[in-house]
Amino acid sequence: MLTGLVLQSTAFAQVKLGGAKPDLVYLVTIVLAFLEGPTSGATAGFFGGMAEDFLLNLPKGITALTLTLVGYSVGATRQYMVTPSPLLPVAMVGAATTLGIVFNELVTFLLGQHPGTFYVLKIALLTGLYNAILTPILFPVIRRVAEASRAKKVFRW
């Protein structure tokens, strides 16, 4: 999560697609929730959102709330999807990123900031598309890190 946040704020900060930048914290949270389930997804989302809020000087707690809900939702819906298609993570990352950004902007709007509606939809769709494009590249890396961090089974004789 920390590596994704550092890459997002340094290397990917200059890369733009139609005015939108990739959001690697969303991508890592969604992939971890997809692989590990709702508890890990919500935990990763909370800590990644708080780190993003503090590092990027955003209103504190909104991104953490959004990513916690996104991580839990993706982890909970994953158990109902049984297709072995390799496009499922790509579609899941794109859709969940778009919905998460729209929810984040809705909460921001309810707290008194007024972004433009069409601008928010454009940025949310482009960020979701950008994250979906990056998913085939980063999914195997995140999967290996997640597998390496699991507790080893202990065998007793």
N, C-alpha and C. Protein backbone atom coordinates (compact mmCIF):
# COMPACT_ATOMS: atom_id res chain seq x y z
N MET A 1 0.83 -1.18 0.00
CA MET A 1 0.00 0.00 0.00
C MET A 1 0.88 1.25 0.00
N LEU A 2 1.90 1.22 0.84
CA LEU A 2 2.80 2.37 0.94
C LEU A 2 3.55 2.59 -0.38
N THR A 3 3.96 1.52 -1.03
CA THR A 3 4.65 1.64 -2.31
C THR A 3 3.72 2.24 -3.36
N GLY A 4 2.48 1.82 -3.37
CA GLY A 4 1.51 2.39 -4.31
C GLY A 4 1.29 3.86 -4.07
N LEU A 5 1.23 4.26 -2.82
CA LEU A 5 1.03 5.68 -2.49
C LEU A 5 2.23 6.52 -2.89
N VAL A 6 3.43 5.99 -2.67
CA VAL A 6 4.64 6.72 -3.06
C VAL A 6 4.72 6.83 -4.58
N LEU A 7 4.44 5.75 -5.29
CA LEU A 7 4.46 5.81 -6.75
C LEU A 7 3.40 6.77 -7.29
N GLN A 8 2.24 6.76 -6.66
CA GLN A 8 1.16 7.65 -7.08
C GLN A 8 1.53 9.11 -6.92
N SER A 9 2.20 9.43 -5.83
CA SER A 9 2.53 10.83 -5.56
C SER A 9 3.81 11.28 -6.25
N THR A 10 4.58 10.37 -6.81
CA THR A 10 5.83 10.77 -7.47
C THR A 10 5.79 10.45 -8.96
N ALA A 11 5.94 9.20 -9.32
CA ALA A 11 6.07 8.82 -10.73
C ALA A 11 4.78 9.03 -11.52
N PHE A 12 3.63 8.62 -10.96
CA PHE A 12 2.38 8.72 -11.69
C PHE A 12 1.70 10.07 -11.53
N ALA A 13 2.27 10.98 -10.76
CA ALA A 13 1.67 12.30 -10.59
C ALA A 13 1.73 13.12 -11.87
N GLN A 14 2.72 12.85 -12.71
CA GLN A 14 2.88 13.61 -13.95
C GLN A 14 2.18 12.96 -15.13
N VAL A 15 1.76 11.71 -15.00
CA VAL A 15 1.13 10.98 -16.09
C VAL A 15 -0.37 11.24 -16.02
N LYS A 16 -0.91 11.87 -17.08
CA LYS A 16 -2.33 12.20 -17.09
C LYS A 16 -2.98 11.66 -18.35
N LEU A 17 -4.23 11.25 -18.22
CA LEU A 17 -5.04 10.79 -19.34
C LEU A 17 -6.31 11.61 -19.32
N GLY A 18 -6.40 12.62 -20.17
CA GLY A 18 -7.59 13.47 -20.20
C GLY A 18 -7.78 14.27 -18.93
N GLY A 19 -6.71 14.60 -18.25
CA GLY A 19 -6.80 15.36 -17.01
C GLY A 19 -6.88 14.50 -15.76
N ALA A 20 -6.99 13.19 -15.91
CA ALA A 20 -7.09 12.28 -14.75
C ALA A 20 -5.77 11.53 -14.57
N LYS A 21 -5.46 11.25 -13.31
CA LYS A 21 -4.26 10.49 -12.97
C LYS A 21 -4.70 9.14 -12.40
N PRO A 22 -3.85 8.13 -12.48
CA PRO A 22 -4.21 6.87 -11.85
C PRO A 22 -4.21 7.02 -10.34
N ASP A 23 -5.05 6.25 -9.68
CA ASP A 23 -5.11 6.25 -8.22
C ASP A 23 -4.71 4.86 -7.76
N LEU A 24 -3.43 4.69 -7.48
CA LEU A 24 -2.90 3.38 -7.13
C LEU A 24 -3.38 2.88 -5.78
N VAL A 25 -3.77 3.78 -4.89
CA VAL A 25 -4.29 3.34 -3.59
C VAL A 25 -5.63 2.63 -3.79
N TYR A 26 -6.47 3.15 -4.67
CA TYR A 26 -7.72 2.46 -5.02
C TYR A 26 -7.40 1.11 -5.63
N LEU A 27 -6.46 1.08 -6.58
CA LEU A 27 -6.13 -0.15 -7.27
C LEU A 27 -5.63 -1.22 -6.30
N VAL A 28 -4.72 -0.85 -5.42
CA VAL A 28 -4.16 -1.82 -4.46
C VAL A 28 -5.25 -2.30 -3.50
N THR A 29 -6.09 -1.39 -3.03
CA THR A 29 -7.17 -1.78 -2.11
C THR A 29 -8.13 -2.75 -2.77
N ILE A 30 -8.52 -2.47 -4.01
CA ILE A 30 -9.48 -3.32 -4.71
C ILE A 30 -8.87 -4.69 -5.01
N VAL A 31 -7.63 -4.72 -5.44
CA VAL A 31 -6.99 -6.00 -5.74
C VAL A 31 -6.81 -6.82 -4.46
N LEU A 32 -6.40 -6.20 -3.37
CA LEU A 32 -6.27 -6.94 -2.10
C LEU A 32 -7.62 -7.46 -1.63
N ALA A 33 -8.66 -6.66 -1.76
CA ALA A 33 -10.00 -7.13 -1.39
C ALA A 33 -10.44 -8.27 -2.29
N PHE A 34 -10.11 -8.18 -3.56
CA PHE A 34 -10.44 -9.22 -4.52
C PHE A 34 -9.74 -10.53 -4.18
N LEU A 35 -8.50 -10.44 -3.75
CA LEU A 35 -7.71 -11.64 -3.45
C LEU A 35 -7.95 -12.19 -2.04
N GLU A 36 -8.07 -11.31 -1.06
CA GLU A 36 -8.05 -11.73 0.34
C GLU A 36 -9.40 -11.68 1.05
N GLY A 37 -10.38 -10.97 0.51
CA GLY A 37 -11.69 -10.92 1.15
C GLY A 37 -12.02 -9.57 1.77
N PRO A 38 -13.22 -9.48 2.37
CA PRO A 38 -13.70 -8.19 2.85
C PRO A 38 -12.92 -7.62 4.04
N THR A 39 -12.46 -8.44 4.93
CA THR A 39 -11.73 -7.93 6.10
C THR A 39 -10.41 -7.30 5.69
N SER A 40 -9.65 -8.00 4.88
CA SER A 40 -8.37 -7.46 4.41
C SER A 40 -8.59 -6.24 3.52
N GLY A 41 -9.64 -6.28 2.70
CA GLY A 41 -9.93 -5.14 1.84
C GLY A 41 -10.29 -3.89 2.63
N ALA A 42 -11.13 -4.06 3.65
CA ALA A 42 -11.51 -2.91 4.48
C ALA A 42 -10.33 -2.38 5.27
N THR A 43 -9.50 -3.26 5.79
CA THR A 43 -8.32 -2.84 6.55
C THR A 43 -7.33 -2.09 5.65
N ALA A 44 -7.06 -2.66 4.48
CA ALA A 44 -6.15 -2.00 3.54
C ALA A 44 -6.72 -0.67 3.09
N GLY A 45 -8.03 -0.62 2.86
CA GLY A 45 -8.66 0.62 2.44
C GLY A 45 -8.58 1.70 3.50
N PHE A 46 -8.80 1.32 4.75
CA PHE A 46 -8.75 2.32 5.82
C PHE A 46 -7.36 2.91 5.96
N PHE A 47 -6.36 2.03 6.09
CA PHE A 47 -5.00 2.53 6.30
C PHE A 47 -4.45 3.24 5.06
N GLY A 48 -4.78 2.73 3.88
CA GLY A 48 -4.36 3.41 2.65
C GLY A 48 -5.04 4.76 2.50
N GLY A 49 -6.32 4.84 2.85
CA GLY A 49 -7.04 6.11 2.76
C GLY A 49 -6.53 7.13 3.76
N MET A 50 -6.24 6.70 4.97
CA MET A 50 -5.69 7.64 5.95
C MET A 50 -4.31 8.12 5.53
N ALA A 51 -3.48 7.22 5.02
CA ALA A 51 -2.15 7.62 4.55
C ALA A 51 -2.26 8.60 3.39
N GLU A 52 -3.19 8.35 2.47
CA GLU A 52 -3.39 9.26 1.34
C GLU A 52 -3.90 10.62 1.81
N ASP A 53 -4.82 10.62 2.75
CA ASP A 53 -5.34 11.89 3.28
C ASP A 53 -4.24 12.72 3.91
N PHE A 54 -3.38 12.09 4.71
CA PHE A 54 -2.33 12.84 5.39
C PHE A 54 -1.19 13.23 4.45
N LEU A 55 -0.80 12.33 3.56
CA LEU A 55 0.32 12.62 2.68
C LEU A 55 -0.03 13.67 1.63
N LEU A 56 -1.24 13.60 1.07
CA LEU A 56 -1.62 14.52 0.00
C LEU A 56 -2.40 15.72 0.52
N ASN A 57 -2.48 15.88 1.84
CA ASN A 57 -3.14 17.02 2.47
C ASN A 57 -4.60 17.18 2.02
N LEU A 58 -5.33 16.08 2.06
CA LEU A 58 -6.76 16.07 1.73
C LEU A 58 -7.56 16.19 3.02
N PRO A 59 -8.87 16.49 2.92
CA PRO A 59 -9.69 16.48 4.14
C PRO A 59 -9.60 15.10 4.81
N LYS A 60 -9.31 15.10 6.10
CA LYS A 60 -8.99 13.87 6.81
C LYS A 60 -10.22 12.98 7.00
N GLY A 61 -10.10 11.74 6.57
CA GLY A 61 -11.11 10.73 6.83
C GLY A 61 -12.02 10.41 5.66
N ILE A 62 -12.16 11.29 4.69
CA ILE A 62 -13.09 11.03 3.59
C ILE A 62 -12.57 9.91 2.70
N THR A 63 -11.31 9.97 2.34
CA THR A 63 -10.73 8.90 1.51
C THR A 63 -10.67 7.59 2.29
N ALA A 64 -10.39 7.66 3.57
CA ALA A 64 -10.36 6.44 4.38
C ALA A 64 -11.74 5.80 4.45
N LEU A 65 -12.78 6.60 4.62
CA LEU A 65 -14.15 6.08 4.63
C LEU A 65 -14.48 5.44 3.29
N THR A 66 -14.16 6.15 2.22
CA THR A 66 -14.46 5.64 0.88
C THR A 66 -13.74 4.33 0.60
N LEU A 67 -12.44 4.30 0.86
CA LEU A 67 -11.68 3.09 0.56
C LEU A 67 -12.04 1.92 1.47
N THR A 68 -12.44 2.21 2.70
CA THR A 68 -12.91 1.13 3.59
C THR A 68 -14.16 0.50 3.03
N LEU A 69 -15.10 1.33 2.59
CA LEU A 69 -16.33 0.80 2.00
C LEU A 69 -16.08 0.08 0.68
N VAL A 70 -15.21 0.64 -0.14
CA VAL A 70 -14.89 -0.01 -1.42
C VAL A 70 -14.21 -1.35 -1.18
N GLY A 71 -13.23 -1.40 -0.28
CA GLY A 71 -12.53 -2.65 0.01
C GLY A 71 -13.46 -3.72 0.56
N TYR A 72 -14.33 -3.32 1.47
CA TYR A 72 -15.26 -4.30 2.03
C TYR A 72 -16.25 -4.78 0.97
N SER A 73 -16.76 -3.86 0.17
CA SER A 73 -17.76 -4.22 -0.85
C SER A 73 -17.18 -5.15 -1.90
N VAL A 74 -15.98 -4.85 -2.37
CA VAL A 74 -15.35 -5.72 -3.38
C VAL A 74 -15.06 -7.09 -2.79
N GLY A 75 -14.55 -7.13 -1.58
CA GLY A 75 -14.28 -8.42 -0.94
C GLY A 75 -15.54 -9.23 -0.70
N ALA A 76 -16.63 -8.56 -0.36
CA ALA A 76 -17.88 -9.27 -0.10
C ALA A 76 -18.53 -9.77 -1.39
N THR A 77 -18.43 -9.00 -2.46
CA THR A 77 -19.06 -9.43 -3.72
C THR A 77 -18.21 -10.46 -4.46
N ARG A 78 -16.93 -10.52 -4.18
CA ARG A 78 -16.05 -11.46 -4.87
C ARG A 78 -16.46 -12.91 -4.64
N GLN A 79 -16.97 -13.22 -3.49
CA GLN A 79 -17.33 -14.61 -3.20
C GLN A 79 -18.52 -15.10 -4.03
N TYR A 80 -19.26 -14.18 -4.63
CA TYR A 80 -20.41 -14.54 -5.45
C TYR A 80 -20.07 -14.65 -6.94
N MET A 81 -18.85 -14.33 -7.30
CA MET A 81 -18.42 -14.40 -8.69
C MET A 81 -17.56 -15.64 -8.87
N VAL A 82 -17.98 -16.51 -9.75
CA VAL A 82 -17.30 -17.79 -9.90
C VAL A 82 -16.62 -17.94 -11.25
N THR A 83 -16.64 -16.93 -12.08
CA THR A 83 -16.02 -17.05 -13.39
C THR A 83 -14.50 -16.99 -13.27
N PRO A 84 -13.78 -17.84 -14.00
CA PRO A 84 -12.32 -17.80 -13.95
C PRO A 84 -11.72 -16.81 -14.95
N SER A 85 -12.52 -15.93 -15.49
CA SER A 85 -12.05 -15.00 -16.52
C SER A 85 -10.97 -14.07 -15.98
N PRO A 86 -9.89 -13.88 -16.75
CA PRO A 86 -8.87 -12.93 -16.32
C PRO A 86 -9.31 -11.48 -16.47
N LEU A 87 -10.43 -11.24 -17.14
CA LEU A 87 -10.94 -9.88 -17.28
C LEU A 87 -11.76 -9.44 -16.07
N LEU A 88 -12.11 -10.37 -15.20
CA LEU A 88 -12.91 -10.01 -14.02
C LEU A 88 -12.18 -9.01 -13.12
N PRO A 89 -10.91 -9.20 -12.77
CA PRO A 89 -10.24 -8.18 -11.95
C PRO A 89 -10.15 -6.82 -12.64
N VAL A 90 -9.97 -6.82 -13.95
CA VAL A 90 -9.89 -5.56 -14.70
C VAL A 90 -11.22 -4.81 -14.60
N ALA A 91 -12.31 -5.53 -14.84
CA ALA A 91 -13.64 -4.91 -14.76
C ALA A 91 -13.96 -4.48 -13.33
N MET A 92 -13.58 -5.30 -12.37
CA MET A 92 -13.84 -4.98 -10.97
C MET A 92 -13.08 -3.73 -10.54
N VAL A 93 -11.82 -3.62 -10.92
CA VAL A 93 -11.03 -2.45 -10.56
C VAL A 93 -11.58 -1.20 -11.23
N GLY A 94 -11.92 -1.28 -12.50
CA GLY A 94 -12.46 -0.12 -13.20
C GLY A 94 -13.78 0.36 -12.61
N ALA A 95 -14.70 -0.56 -12.37
CA ALA A 95 -16.02 -0.19 -11.83
C ALA A 95 -15.91 0.30 -10.39
N ALA A 96 -15.15 -0.39 -9.56
CA ALA A 96 -15.05 -0.01 -8.15
C ALA A 96 -14.32 1.33 -7.99
N THR A 97 -13.31 1.58 -8.82
CA THR A 97 -12.62 2.87 -8.75
C THR A 97 -13.57 4.00 -9.12
N THR A 98 -14.32 3.81 -10.20
CA THR A 98 -15.27 4.84 -10.64
C THR A 98 -16.30 5.12 -9.56
N LEU A 99 -16.91 4.07 -9.03
CA LEU A 99 -17.93 4.25 -7.98
C LEU A 99 -17.33 4.85 -6.72
N GLY A 100 -16.13 4.45 -6.37
CA GLY A 100 -15.48 4.99 -5.18
C GLY A 100 -15.19 6.48 -5.30
N ILE A 101 -14.73 6.91 -6.46
CA ILE A 101 -14.45 8.33 -6.66
C ILE A 101 -15.73 9.15 -6.66
N VAL A 102 -16.79 8.62 -7.26
CA VAL A 102 -18.08 9.32 -7.24
C VAL A 102 -18.58 9.43 -5.81
N PHE A 103 -18.47 8.36 -5.03
CA PHE A 103 -18.90 8.41 -3.62
C PHE A 103 -18.05 9.41 -2.83
N ASN A 104 -16.75 9.41 -3.07
CA ASN A 104 -15.86 10.34 -2.38
C ASN A 104 -16.26 11.79 -2.68
N GLU A 105 -16.55 12.08 -3.92
CA GLU A 105 -16.95 13.44 -4.30
C GLU A 105 -18.33 13.79 -3.76
N LEU A 106 -19.21 12.79 -3.64
CA LEU A 106 -20.53 13.03 -3.05
C LEU A 106 -20.40 13.41 -1.58
N VAL A 107 -19.55 12.70 -0.85
CA VAL A 107 -19.32 13.04 0.56
C VAL A 107 -18.67 14.42 0.68
N THR A 108 -17.74 14.71 -0.21
CA THR A 108 -17.10 16.03 -0.21
C THR A 108 -18.13 17.12 -0.48
N PHE A 109 -19.05 16.86 -1.41
CA PHE A 109 -20.11 17.83 -1.71
C PHE A 109 -21.01 18.03 -0.49
N LEU A 110 -21.34 16.95 0.21
CA LEU A 110 -22.20 17.05 1.39
C LEU A 110 -21.52 17.81 2.52
N LEU A 111 -20.19 17.87 2.50
CA LEU A 111 -19.46 18.61 3.52
C LEU A 111 -19.19 20.06 3.12
N GLY A 112 -19.76 20.49 2.00
CA GLY A 112 -19.72 21.90 1.67
C GLY A 112 -18.83 22.32 0.53
N GLN A 113 -18.11 21.41 -0.08
CA GLN A 113 -17.30 21.78 -1.24
C GLN A 113 -18.10 21.46 -2.48
N HIS A 114 -17.99 22.29 -3.50
CA HIS A 114 -18.87 22.16 -4.67
C HIS A 114 -18.08 21.92 -5.95
N PRO A 115 -17.73 20.66 -6.24
CA PRO A 115 -17.09 20.39 -7.52
C PRO A 115 -18.15 20.34 -8.63
N GLY A 116 -17.72 20.52 -9.86
CA GLY A 116 -18.65 20.43 -10.99
C GLY A 116 -19.07 18.99 -11.23
N THR A 117 -20.36 18.78 -11.51
CA THR A 117 -20.90 17.43 -11.65
C THR A 117 -20.29 16.70 -12.84
N PHE A 118 -20.26 17.35 -13.99
CA PHE A 118 -19.72 16.67 -15.17
C PHE A 118 -18.21 16.47 -15.06
N TYR A 119 -17.54 17.38 -14.42
CA TYR A 119 -16.11 17.23 -14.21
C TYR A 119 -15.82 16.01 -13.33
N VAL A 120 -16.60 15.84 -12.27
CA VAL A 120 -16.42 14.70 -11.36
C VAL A 120 -16.67 13.39 -12.09
N LEU A 121 -17.73 13.33 -12.89
CA LEU A 121 -18.03 12.10 -13.64
C LEU A 121 -16.93 11.80 -14.65
N LYS A 122 -16.42 12.84 -15.31
CA LYS A 122 -15.34 12.65 -16.29
C LYS A 122 -14.10 12.11 -15.60
N ILE A 123 -13.70 12.72 -14.48
CA ILE A 123 -12.51 12.29 -13.77
C ILE A 123 -12.69 10.88 -13.21
N ALA A 124 -13.88 10.58 -12.68
CA ALA A 124 -14.13 9.25 -12.12
C ALA A 124 -14.05 8.18 -13.21
N LEU A 125 -14.65 8.43 -14.36
CA LEU A 125 -14.61 7.45 -15.44
C LEU A 125 -13.19 7.28 -15.99
N LEU A 126 -12.48 8.39 -16.16
CA LEU A 126 -11.11 8.29 -16.69
C LEU A 126 -10.16 7.63 -15.69
N THR A 127 -10.32 7.91 -14.41
CA THR A 127 -9.48 7.26 -13.41
C THR A 127 -9.78 5.76 -13.34
N GLY A 128 -11.06 5.40 -13.42
CA GLY A 128 -11.44 3.99 -13.46
C GLY A 128 -10.85 3.29 -14.67
N LEU A 129 -10.88 3.98 -15.82
CA LEU A 129 -10.29 3.41 -17.03
C LEU A 129 -8.77 3.27 -16.89
N TYR A 130 -8.15 4.28 -16.34
CA TYR A 130 -6.70 4.25 -16.15
C TYR A 130 -6.30 3.11 -15.21
N ASN A 131 -7.02 2.95 -14.10
CA ASN A 131 -6.72 1.86 -13.17
C ASN A 131 -6.98 0.50 -13.82
N ALA A 132 -8.03 0.41 -14.65
CA ALA A 132 -8.31 -0.86 -15.34
C ALA A 132 -7.18 -1.20 -16.31
N ILE A 133 -6.61 -0.20 -16.96
CA ILE A 133 -5.49 -0.44 -17.88
C ILE A 133 -4.25 -0.90 -17.11
N LEU A 134 -4.04 -0.36 -15.91
CA LEU A 134 -2.86 -0.74 -15.11
C LEU A 134 -3.03 -2.08 -14.39
N THR A 135 -4.26 -2.57 -14.27
CA THR A 135 -4.52 -3.80 -13.51
C THR A 135 -3.77 -5.01 -14.05
N PRO A 136 -3.76 -5.30 -15.36
CA PRO A 136 -3.01 -6.49 -15.81
C PRO A 136 -1.52 -6.42 -15.50
N ILE A 137 -0.98 -5.21 -15.35
CA ILE A 137 0.44 -5.07 -15.06
C ILE A 137 0.70 -5.25 -13.56
N LEU A 138 -0.15 -4.66 -12.73
CA LEU A 138 0.10 -4.66 -11.28
C LEU A 138 -0.56 -5.81 -10.52
N PHE A 139 -1.58 -6.45 -11.08
CA PHE A 139 -2.27 -7.53 -10.39
C PHE A 139 -1.33 -8.67 -10.00
N PRO A 140 -0.47 -9.17 -10.91
CA PRO A 140 0.44 -10.26 -10.50
C PRO A 140 1.41 -9.86 -9.39
N VAL A 141 1.86 -8.61 -9.42
CA VAL A 141 2.79 -8.14 -8.39
C VAL A 141 2.10 -8.10 -7.04
N ILE A 142 0.90 -7.54 -6.99
CA ILE A 142 0.15 -7.45 -5.73
C ILE A 142 -0.22 -8.83 -5.23
N ARG A 143 -0.56 -9.75 -6.15
CA ARG A 143 -0.90 -11.11 -5.74
C ARG A 143 0.29 -11.81 -5.09
N ARG A 144 1.47 -11.63 -5.66
CA ARG A 144 2.67 -12.26 -5.07
C ARG A 144 3.01 -11.68 -3.71
N VAL A 145 2.86 -10.38 -3.57
CA VAL A 145 3.12 -9.75 -2.27
C VAL A 145 2.10 -10.24 -1.24
N ALA A 146 0.83 -10.35 -1.65
CA ALA A 146 -0.20 -10.82 -0.72
C ALA A 146 0.05 -12.27 -0.32
N GLU A 147 0.46 -13.11 -1.27
CA GLU A 147 0.74 -14.50 -0.95
C GLU A 147 1.95 -14.63 -0.04
N ALA A 148 2.95 -13.80 -0.24
CA ALA A 148 4.15 -13.85 0.59
C ALA A 148 3.89 -13.37 2.01
N SER A 149 2.88 -12.52 2.19
CA SER A 149 2.62 -11.98 3.52
C SER A 149 1.66 -12.83 4.34
N ARG A 150 1.10 -13.86 3.75
CA ARG A 150 0.21 -14.75 4.51
C ARG A 150 1.01 -15.55 5.53
N ALA A 151 0.35 -15.88 6.62
CA ALA A 151 1.00 -16.68 7.66
C ALA A 151 1.22 -18.10 7.14
N LYS A 152 2.35 -18.63 7.48
CA LYS A 152 2.66 -20.01 7.08
C LYS A 152 1.93 -20.97 7.98
N LYS A 153 1.48 -22.09 7.40
CA LYS A 153 0.81 -23.11 8.19
C LYS A 153 1.83 -23.86 9.04
N VAL A 154 1.45 -24.12 10.25
CA VAL A 154 2.32 -24.83 11.17
C VAL A 154 1.83 -26.28 11.25
N PHE A 155 2.72 -27.21 11.03
CA PHE A 155 2.37 -28.62 11.11
C PHE A 155 2.95 -29.22 12.39
N ARG A 156 2.12 -29.90 13.12
CA ARG A 156 2.58 -30.57 14.35
C ARG A 156 2.55 -32.07 14.15
N TRP A 157 3.52 -32.73 14.72
CA TRP A 157 3.59 -34.18 14.60
C TRP A 157 2.90 -34.84 15.72
